[in-house]
Amino acid sequence: MARTLSTVAIAILVSISSILVYDQFFLPESASILGEQPRATLANYDQSHDALALDRKLNEILSREEANRANAFSQMPENFIGASEAATPAVVYINSSTPGRWRSGSSSGSGVITSSDGYIITNNHVIEGGTSITVTTNDKQEFEARVVGRDPSTDLAVIKIESSKQLPYLSFANSDNVKVGEWVLAVGNPFNLNSTVTAGIVSAKARNINILESDASIESFIQTDAAVNPGNSGGALVDTKGNLVGINTAILTETGSYEGYSFAVPANLVKKVMADLIDFGTVQRGFLGVIIREVDADLAKREGLPNANGVYLDRVMDKSGAAQAGLKRGDVIVQIGNSRIKTMPQLQEQVGRYRPGDQIDVAYYRNSELKTTQITLRNSDNTTEIVTMTDLNTIQELGLELRDLDKQEARSLGRQGVIVRSIKRGSIIAGTNMDPGFIITHINDNRVKSTQEVAKQIESASGKVRIEGFYDRYPGEYVYAFTK
């Protein structure tokens, strides 16, 4: 269904739908889709306690790259014919339906072909809940599509169609190079009007509009004033060369229709999510292991910062990648790789492009001194392992959302374990009467300390499964059981 949240600034996901529609603390790359990530060179600079001088040095480090980028953005063309002709053949119409006697429904939206063999990127909310997905190409061919993977935290999904011939597709632009004020086109199927092209400019970058429901959500949208309406969801935002700079996802409105503000997931993040879904079936999310907040003028003055840019570390988790790299509470991150960090969405987007085990170069201020370090990212279990689809499916099929206790929590409780964050209504676990907040310590008498250990123990069990643990707020031990 078209989502409408009526507040001062209402963000809705832009698809037509009538079907039903995740506190984490904590990217080797696919050569076919992902390019190498840039590395920072800040460590070559001497340290200084002059915050303003340090900020100038930081700008000097980025100046060469910024100069190169200045020549890369889209110039004002005489017309948009070339970009339109390049983009429209690769943008498809998607219908997701759930046929049934008692409960049925359908939703529709757009998608973008990103490879000649039929991989298509779209929004998760376009296909969510559908059991039958039909794709109609620009030349009116129809295909049944299969779901490759979905990522609610970015509202992206990958589907695939099989064709006897090579399909037209769009190439990814470097969305970091997109500039506020440059021309872009939105291509999609608003109101079921296939292959509609609208033009506008980039109004802002790294926008967070608090629309995604997952606790692990990444919102760092490209904002444009190109007209986007219901049905444009999952469609292409392209530059004047016809390259994909983003996936249109949401609008800001009080009426439910376009009012001048639309939002797209940037292409660089799309590439990473798409690669993970194709390679692993699930997104490999890398975490710094920190709790963060924005820097305001008061905080900048108190911490001796040159300006109110950067992301303040409110808490650094024990044994996290950030802690092992030497970061502490009160540090302010100002750069990751070659990307300057001014806001929380920028930080989340940059980190979101990497996988557990990847190393990232980080520049930060501590006591008005610019420092650099290298952080090895970890997964939500605070390890560098890649999460397998088997582990994820096992947990989700039971109706559980889990996370590991961090060291401080385990020390406070005097025990290690895995906490149940939520339980899906009607699931297997819901039938045991377990409540959220339960801390799992054993599966069939085997001690478990991580989400992956829980999944592996349940996967290897046969017959009756006994889950033992305790509640922080209630005395005693509890046992829940189910039969596989």
Foldseek 3Di string as FASTA:
>chain_A
DWDWDADPWIKTWFKFKDADFAQFQFAVFDPVQDDDDFFADVVVDDKDLQQVVVVVVLCVSLVVVLVVLVVVAFDDDPDLVQLLVQFQQFKKKKKFWDDDDPDIMIMIAMWGQAFQQFKIKFFLRRHGPGPWMWIAGPVGDIFTKDWLAHDLLARMTIIGTGDPGGGRGAAADQLVSADFFAKKWQFWQAVNNHGDIWIWTFHDWQDDPPPRDYSLHFGTWGKIQTFDHRRSGNTAIGHSNNHGQWGWTMAIDNPRGHDRITTTHGRLLVSRQVRCSNVFVGHAAWTQRFDKDFFDPVLCVVLVHPHRFFIFTQAHFPLAQNVVQPDGHGKTWQDKRSDGGGHPSVVSSVSSSHHQQDKIKIWIDGSSMIDITITGTHGSQRHSDGDHPQLVCQQVQQQFDKGWDTPVRCVVVVHAFIFTQQGDPPGNVVVQVDGGQWTWQDKPNHGDRGSSSVSVSVVPDAFKIKTKTDHPVDDDIDITMDTD
